[in-house]
Amino acid sequence: IVLVFSTADPSKQLVASSTPIVAPLGVAALVVF
């Protein structure tokens, strides 16, 4: 969650460019949890 928002370049984007990778990983971690 933190990586999706805190590593973005706010002058160009709301969420980080790595969101397509990081977000599914976060969802997967939550499901496995």
All heavy atoms as atom14 arrays in JSON, in Angstrom:
{
  "sequence": "IVLVFSTADPSKQLVASSTPIVAPLGVAALVVF",
  "atom14_mask": [
    [1, 1, 1, 1, 1, 1, 1, 1, 0, 0, 0, 0, 0, 0],
    [1, 1, 1, 1, 1, 1, 1, 0, 0, 0, 0, 0, 0, 0],
    [1, 1, 1, 1, 1, 1, 1, 1, 0, 0, 0, 0, 0, 0],
    [1, 1, 1, 1, 1, 1, 1, 0, 0, 0, 0, 0, 0, 0],
    [1, 1, 1, 1, 1, 1, 1, 1, 1, 1, 1, 0, 0, 0],
    [1, 1, 1, 1, 1, 1, 0, 0, 0, 0, 0, 0, 0, 0],
    [1, 1, 1, 1, 1, 1, 1, 0, 0, 0, 0, 0, 0, 0],
    [1, 1, 1, 1, 1, 0, 0, 0, 0, 0, 0, 0, 0, 0],
    [1, 1, 1, 1, 1, 1, 1, 1, 0, 0, 0, 0, 0, 0],
    [1, 1, 1, 1, 1, 1, 1, 0, 0, 0, 0, 0, 0, 0],
    [1, 1, 1, 1, 1, 1, 0, 0, 0, 0, 0, 0, 0, 0],
    [1, 1, 1, 1, 1, 1, 1, 1, 1, 0, 0, 0, 0, 0],
    [1, 1, 1, 1, 1, 1, 1, 1, 1, 0, 0, 0, 0, 0],
    [1, 1, 1, 1, 1, 1, 1, 1, 0, 0, 0, 0, 0, 0],
    [1, 1, 1, 1, 1, 1, 1, 0, 0, 0, 0, 0, 0, 0],
    [1, 1, 1, 1, 1, 0, 0, 0, 0, 0, 0, 0, 0, 0],
    [1, 1, 1, 1, 1, 1, 0, 0, 0, 0, 0, 0, 0, 0],
    [1, 1, 1, 1, 1, 1, 0, 0, 0, 0, 0, 0, 0, 0],
    [1, 1, 1, 1, 1, 1, 1, 0, 0, 0, 0, 0, 0, 0],
    [1, 1, 1, 1, 1, 1, 1, 0, 0, 0, 0, 0, 0, 0],
    [1, 1, 1, 1, 1, 1, 1, 1, 0, 0, 0, 0, 0, 0],
    [1, 1, 1, 1, 1, 1, 1, 0, 0, 0, 0, 0, 0, 0],
    [1, 1, 1, 1, 1, 0, 0, 0, 0, 0, 0, 0, 0, 0],
    [1, 1, 1, 1, 1, 1, 1, 0, 0, 0, 0, 0, 0, 0],
    [1, 1, 1, 1, 1, 1, 1, 1, 0, 0, 0, 0, 0, 0],
    [1, 1, 1, 1, 0, 0, 0, 0, 0, 0, 0, 0, 0, 0],
    [1, 1, 1, 1, 1, 1, 1, 0, 0, 0, 0, 0, 0, 0],
    [1, 1, 1, 1, 1, 0, 0, 0, 0, 0, 0, 0, 0, 0],
    [1, 1, 1, 1, 1, 0, 0, 0, 0, 0, 0, 0, 0, 0],
    [1, 1, 1, 1, 1, 1, 1, 1, 0, 0, 0, 0, 0, 0],
    [1, 1, 1, 1, 1, 1, 1, 0, 0, 0, 0, 0, 0, 0],
    [1, 1, 1, 1, 1, 1, 1, 0, 0, 0, 0, 0, 0, 0],
    [1, 1, 1, 1, 1, 1, 1, 1, 1, 1, 1, 0, 0, 0]
  ],
  "atom14_positions": [
    [[0.84, -1.2, 0.0], [0.0, 0.0, 0.0], [0.87, 1.25, 0.0], [0.66, 2.2, -0.77], [-0.94, 0.0, 1.22], [-1.97, -1.12, 1.09], [-1.65, 1.35, 1.34], [-2.9, -1.21, 2.29], [0.0, 0.0, 0.0], [0.0, 0.0, 0.0], [0.0, 0.0, 0.0], [0.0, 0.0, 0.0], [0.0, 0.0, 0.0], [0.0, 0.0, 0.0]],
    [[1.87, 1.25, 0.87], [2.75, 2.41, 0.96], [3.53, 2.61, -0.33], [3.68, 3.73, -0.83], [3.71, 2.25, 2.16], [4.7, 3.4, 2.21], [2.92, 2.19, 3.46], [0.0, 0.0, 0.0], [0.0, 0.0, 0.0], [0.0, 0.0, 0.0], [0.0, 0.0, 0.0], [0.0, 0.0, 0.0], [0.0, 0.0, 0.0], [0.0, 0.0, 0.0]],
    [[4.04, 1.52, -0.9], [4.84, 1.63, -2.13], [4.02, 2.18, -3.29], [4.52, 2.94, -4.11], [5.42, 0.26, -2.49], [6.56, -0.25, -1.61], [6.93, -1.67, -1.99], [7.77, 0.66, -1.71], [0.0, 0.0, 0.0], [0.0, 0.0, 0.0], [0.0, 0.0, 0.0], [0.0, 0.0, 0.0], [0.0, 0.0, 0.0], [0.0, 0.0, 0.0]],
    [[2.76, 1.78, -3.37], [1.92, 2.24, -4.48], [1.81, 3.75, -4.49], [1.84, 4.38, -5.56], [0.53, 1.57, -4.38], [-0.49, 2.31, -5.26], [0.6, 0.11, -4.81], [0.0, 0.0, 0.0], [0.0, 0.0, 0.0], [0.0, 0.0, 0.0], [0.0, 0.0, 0.0], [0.0, 0.0, 0.0], [0.0, 0.0, 0.0], [0.0, 0.0, 0.0]],
    [[1.7, 4.35, -3.31], [1.49, 5.8, -3.25], [2.78, 6.59, -3.03], [2.97, 7.66, -3.59], [0.49, 6.13, -2.14], [-0.9, 5.65, -2.41], [-1.39, 4.52, -1.79], [-1.71, 6.32, -3.3], [-2.67, 4.07, -2.04], [-3.0, 5.88, -3.57], [-3.49, 4.74, -2.94], [0.0, 0.0, 0.0], [0.0, 0.0, 0.0], [0.0, 0.0, 0.0]],
    [[3.68, 6.09, -2.18], [4.82, 6.91, -1.77], [5.95, 6.92, -2.79], [6.82, 7.8, -2.72], [5.36, 6.41, -0.43], [5.86, 5.09, -0.55], [0.0, 0.0, 0.0], [0.0, 0.0, 0.0], [0.0, 0.0, 0.0], [0.0, 0.0, 0.0], [0.0, 0.0, 0.0], [0.0, 0.0, 0.0], [0.0, 0.0, 0.0], [0.0, 0.0, 0.0]],
    [[5.99, 5.97, -3.71], [7.09, 5.94, -4.68], [6.69, 6.53, -6.03], [7.45, 6.45, -6.98], [7.58, 4.49, -4.9], [6.5, 3.68, -5.37], [8.11, 3.91, -3.6], [0.0, 0.0, 0.0], [0.0, 0.0, 0.0], [0.0, 0.0, 0.0], [0.0, 0.0, 0.0], [0.0, 0.0, 0.0], [0.0, 0.0, 0.0], [0.0, 0.0, 0.0]],
    [[5.51, 7.12, -6.09], [5.08, 7.75, -7.35], [5.73, 9.12, -7.5], [6.09, 9.78, -6.53], [3.56, 7.88, -7.37], [0.0, 0.0, 0.0], [0.0, 0.0, 0.0], [0.0, 0.0, 0.0], [0.0, 0.0, 0.0], [0.0, 0.0, 0.0], [0.0, 0.0, 0.0], [0.0, 0.0, 0.0], [0.0, 0.0, 0.0], [0.0, 0.0, 0.0]],
    [[5.87, 9.55, -8.74], [6.31, 10.92, -9.04], [5.06, 11.79, -9.08], [4.31, 11.75, -10.07], [7.05, 10.95, -10.38], [7.56, 12.35, -10.71], [7.28, 13.29, -9.93], [8.22, 12.51, -11.75], [0.0, 0.0, 0.0], [0.0, 0.0, 0.0], [0.0, 0.0, 0.0], [0.0, 0.0, 0.0], [0.0, 0.0, 0.0], [0.0, 0.0, 0.0]],
    [[4.78, 12.56, -8.03], [3.51, 13.27, -7.96], [3.33, 14.32, -9.05], [2.21, 14.76, -9.3], [3.55, 13.92, -6.57], [5.0, 14.0, -6.22], [5.64, 12.82, -6.87], [0.0, 0.0, 0.0], [0.0, 0.0, 0.0], [0.0, 0.0, 0.0], [0.0, 0.0, 0.0], [0.0, 0.0, 0.0], [0.0, 0.0, 0.0], [0.0, 0.0, 0.0]],
    [[4.43, 14.73, -9.7], [4.28, 15.7, -10.79], [3.71, 15.07, -12.04], [3.27, 15.77, -12.95], [5.63, 16.35, -11.09], [6.55, 15.37, -11.57], [0.0, 0.0, 0.0], [0.0, 0.0, 0.0], [0.0, 0.0, 0.0], [0.0, 0.0, 0.0], [0.0, 0.0, 0.0], [0.0, 0.0, 0.0], [0.0, 0.0, 0.0], [0.0, 0.0, 0.0]],
    [[3.71, 13.73, -12.09], [3.26, 13.06, -13.31], [2.17, 12.02, -13.07], [1.43, 11.69, -13.98], [4.45, 12.36, -13.98], [5.59, 13.3, -14.36], [6.76, 12.52, -14.94], [7.92, 13.45, -15.29], [9.1, 12.69, -15.82], [0.0, 0.0, 0.0], [0.0, 0.0, 0.0], [0.0, 0.0, 0.0], [0.0, 0.0, 0.0], [0.0, 0.0, 0.0]],
    [[2.07, 11.49, -11.86], [1.18, 10.36, -11.64], [0.68, 10.35, -10.2], [1.29, 10.95, -9.31], [1.92, 9.04, -11.93], [3.21, 8.91, -11.15], [4.11, 7.8, -11.63], [5.2, 7.65, -11.13], [3.69, 7.0, -12.59], [0.0, 0.0, 0.0], [0.0, 0.0, 0.0], [0.0, 0.0, 0.0], [0.0, 0.0, 0.0], [0.0, 0.0, 0.0]],
    [[-0.46, 9.67, -10.0], [-1.02, 9.53, -8.66], [-0.44, 8.3, -7.96], [-0.15, 8.33, -6.76], [-2.55, 9.41, -8.74], [-3.28, 9.15, -7.43], [-3.02, 10.27, -6.43], [-4.77, 8.98, -7.66], [0.0, 0.0, 0.0], [0.0, 0.0, 0.0], [0.0, 0.0, 0.0], [0.0, 0.0, 0.0], [0.0, 0.0, 0.0], [0.0, 0.0, 0.0]],
    [[-0.28, 7.22, -8.69], [0.29, 5.99, -8.13], [1.57, 5.66, -8.88], [1.81, 6.15, -9.99], [-0.71, 4.82, -8.23], [-1.92, 5.1, -7.37], [-1.12, 4.56, -9.66], [0.0, 0.0, 0.0], [0.0, 0.0, 0.0], [0.0, 0.0, 0.0], [0.0, 0.0, 0.0], [0.0, 0.0, 0.0], [0.0, 0.0, 0.0], [0.0, 0.0, 0.0]],
    [[2.4, 4.84, -8.27], [3.7, 4.53, -8.83], [3.56, 3.73, -10.12], [2.57, 3.01, -10.35], [4.53, 3.74, -7.83], [0.0, 0.0, 0.0], [0.0, 0.0, 0.0], [0.0, 0.0, 0.0], [0.0, 0.0, 0.0], [0.0, 0.0, 0.0], [0.0, 0.0, 0.0], [0.0, 0.0, 0.0], [0.0, 0.0, 0.0], [0.0, 0.0, 0.0]],
    [[4.56, 3.85, -10.98], [4.56, 3.09, -12.23], [4.66, 1.59, -11.98], [4.33, 0.79, -12.86], [5.71, 3.55, -13.12], [6.95, 3.45, -12.43], [0.0, 0.0, 0.0], [0.0, 0.0, 0.0], [0.0, 0.0, 0.0], [0.0, 0.0, 0.0], [0.0, 0.0, 0.0], [0.0, 0.0, 0.0], [0.0, 0.0, 0.0], [0.0, 0.0, 0.0]],
    [[5.11, 1.22, -10.78], [5.21, -0.2, -10.44], [3.9, -0.77, -9.92], [3.85, -1.95, -9.53], [6.3, -0.4, -9.37], [5.98, 0.33, -8.19], [0.0, 0.0, 0.0], [0.0, 0.0, 0.0], [0.0, 0.0, 0.0], [0.0, 0.0, 0.0], [0.0, 0.0, 0.0], [0.0, 0.0, 0.0], [0.0, 0.0, 0.0], [0.0, 0.0, 0.0]],
    [[2.83, 0.03, -9.91], [1.54, -0.41, -9.37], [1.02, -1.69, -10.03], [0.49, -2.57, -9.33], [0.51, 0.71, -9.49], [0.95, 1.83, -8.72], [-0.85, 0.27, -8.98], [0.0, 0.0, 0.0], [0.0, 0.0, 0.0], [0.0, 0.0, 0.0], [0.0, 0.0, 0.0], [0.0, 0.0, 0.0], [0.0, 0.0, 0.0], [0.0, 0.0, 0.0]],
    [[1.12, -1.84, -11.37], [0.63, -3.1, -11.96], [1.3, -4.35, -11.4], [0.73, -5.45, -11.49], [0.96, -2.92, -13.45], [0.97, -1.44, -13.66], [1.54, -0.87, -12.4], [0.0, 0.0, 0.0], [0.0, 0.0, 0.0], [0.0, 0.0, 0.0], [0.0, 0.0, 0.0], [0.0, 0.0, 0.0], [0.0, 0.0, 0.0], [0.0, 0.0, 0.0]],
    [[2.48, -4.2, -10.83], [3.17, -5.34, -10.22], [2.93, -5.37, -8.72], [2.6, -6.41, -8.14], [4.69, -5.28, -10.51], [4.93, -5.36, -12.03], [5.41, -6.41, -9.79], [6.38, -5.19, -12.4], [0.0, 0.0, 0.0], [0.0, 0.0, 0.0], [0.0, 0.0, 0.0], [0.0, 0.0, 0.0], [0.0, 0.0, 0.0], [0.0, 0.0, 0.0]],
    [[3.08, -4.19, -8.07], [3.0, -4.14, -6.61], [1.57, -4.39, -6.12], [1.37, -5.11, -5.13], [3.51, -2.78, -6.1], [3.34, -2.67, -4.59], [4.98, -2.6, -6.47], [0.0, 0.0, 0.0], [0.0, 0.0, 0.0], [0.0, 0.0, 0.0], [0.0, 0.0, 0.0], [0.0, 0.0, 0.0], [0.0, 0.0, 0.0], [0.0, 0.0, 0.0]],
    [[0.58, -3.82, -6.78], [-0.81, -3.97, -6.32], [-1.26, -5.44, -6.33], [-1.82, -5.91, -5.33], [-1.73, -3.1, -7.17], [0.0, 0.0, 0.0], [0.0, 0.0, 0.0], [0.0, 0.0, 0.0], [0.0, 0.0, 0.0], [0.0, 0.0, 0.0], [0.0, 0.0, 0.0], [0.0, 0.0, 0.0], [0.0, 0.0, 0.0], [0.0, 0.0, 0.0]],
    [[-1.05, -6.19, -7.42], [-1.42, -7.61, -7.36], [-0.68, -8.39, -6.28], [-1.24, -9.28, -5.65], [-1.07, -8.13, -8.76], [-1.12, -6.93, -9.64], [-0.63, -5.8, -8.78], [0.0, 0.0, 0.0], [0.0, 0.0, 0.0], [0.0, 0.0, 0.0], [0.0, 0.0, 0.0], [0.0, 0.0, 0.0], [0.0, 0.0, 0.0], [0.0, 0.0, 0.0]],
    [[0.6, -8.02, -6.06], [1.35, -8.68, -4.99], [0.72, -8.39, -3.63], [0.64, -9.28, -2.77], [2.81, -8.21, -5.01], [3.68, -8.72, -6.16], [5.07, -8.09, -6.09], [3.78, -10.24, -6.12], [0.0, 0.0, 0.0], [0.0, 0.0, 0.0], [0.0, 0.0, 0.0], [0.0, 0.0, 0.0], [0.0, 0.0, 0.0], [0.0, 0.0, 0.0]],
    [[0.29, -7.14, -3.43], [-0.37, -6.8, -2.18], [-1.67, -7.55, -1.99], [-1.96, -8.06, -0.9], [0.0, 0.0, 0.0], [0.0, 0.0, 0.0], [0.0, 0.0, 0.0], [0.0, 0.0, 0.0], [0.0, 0.0, 0.0], [0.0, 0.0, 0.0], [0.0, 0.0, 0.0], [0.0, 0.0, 0.0], [0.0, 0.0, 0.0], [0.0, 0.0, 0.0]],
    [[-2.47, -7.63, -3.05], [-3.74, -8.37, -2.97], [-3.47, -9.84, -2.69], [-4.15, -10.49, -1.87], [-4.53, -8.19, -4.27], [-5.77, -9.09, -4.27], [-4.95, -6.74, -4.45], [0.0, 0.0, 0.0], [0.0, 0.0, 0.0], [0.0, 0.0, 0.0], [0.0, 0.0, 0.0], [0.0, 0.0, 0.0], [0.0, 0.0, 0.0], [0.0, 0.0, 0.0]],
    [[-2.46, -10.39, -3.37], [-2.11, -11.8, -3.14], [-1.66, -12.02, -1.7], [-2.04, -13.02, -1.07], [-1.01, -12.22, -4.12], [0.0, 0.0, 0.0], [0.0, 0.0, 0.0], [0.0, 0.0, 0.0], [0.0, 0.0, 0.0], [0.0, 0.0, 0.0], [0.0, 0.0, 0.0], [0.0, 0.0, 0.0], [0.0, 0.0, 0.0], [0.0, 0.0, 0.0]],
    [[-0.86, -11.1, -1.17], [-0.42, -11.24, 0.22], [-1.61, -11.2, 1.18], [-1.65, -11.96, 2.16], [0.57, -10.13, 0.56], [0.0, 0.0, 0.0], [0.0, 0.0, 0.0], [0.0, 0.0, 0.0], [0.0, 0.0, 0.0], [0.0, 0.0, 0.0], [0.0, 0.0, 0.0], [0.0, 0.0, 0.0], [0.0, 0.0, 0.0], [0.0, 0.0, 0.0]],
    [[-2.59, -10.35, 0.89], [-3.78, -10.27, 1.75], [-4.6, -11.55, 1.67], [-5.06, -12.07, 2.7], [-4.63, -9.07, 1.34], [-5.9, -8.85, 2.16], [-5.56, -8.61, 3.63], [-6.7, -7.68, 1.59], [0.0, 0.0, 0.0], [0.0, 0.0, 0.0], [0.0, 0.0, 0.0], [0.0, 0.0, 0.0], [0.0, 0.0, 0.0], [0.0, 0.0, 0.0]],
    [[-4.77, -12.07, 0.46], [-5.54, -13.31, 0.3], [-4.86, -14.47, 1.01], [-5.5, -15.24, 1.75], [-5.74, -13.63, -1.2], [-6.36, -15.01, -1.38], [-6.6, -12.57, -1.86], [0.0, 0.0, 0.0], [0.0, 0.0, 0.0], [0.0, 0.0, 0.0], [0.0, 0.0, 0.0], [0.0, 0.0, 0.0], [0.0, 0.0, 0.0], [0.0, 0.0, 0.0]],
    [[-3.55, -14.59, 0.81], [-2.81, -15.67, 1.47], [-2.85, -15.48, 2.99], [-2.95, -16.45, 3.75], [-1.35, -15.71, 0.97], [-0.55, -16.76, 1.73], [-1.33, -16.01, -0.52], [0.0, 0.0, 0.0], [0.0, 0.0, 0.0], [0.0, 0.0, 0.0], [0.0, 0.0, 0.0], [0.0, 0.0, 0.0], [0.0, 0.0, 0.0], [0.0, 0.0, 0.0]],
    [[-2.79, -14.22, 3.45], [-2.88, -13.95, 4.89], [-4.21, -14.45, 5.45], [-4.24, -15.12, 6.49], [-2.73, -12.46, 5.14], [-3.02, -12.04, 6.56], [-2.11, -12.27, 7.56], [-4.23, -11.43, 6.87], [-2.38, -11.9, 8.88], [-4.51, -11.05, 8.17], [-3.58, -11.29, 9.18], [0.0, 0.0, 0.0], [0.0, 0.0, 0.0], [0.0, 0.0, 0.0]]
  ]
}
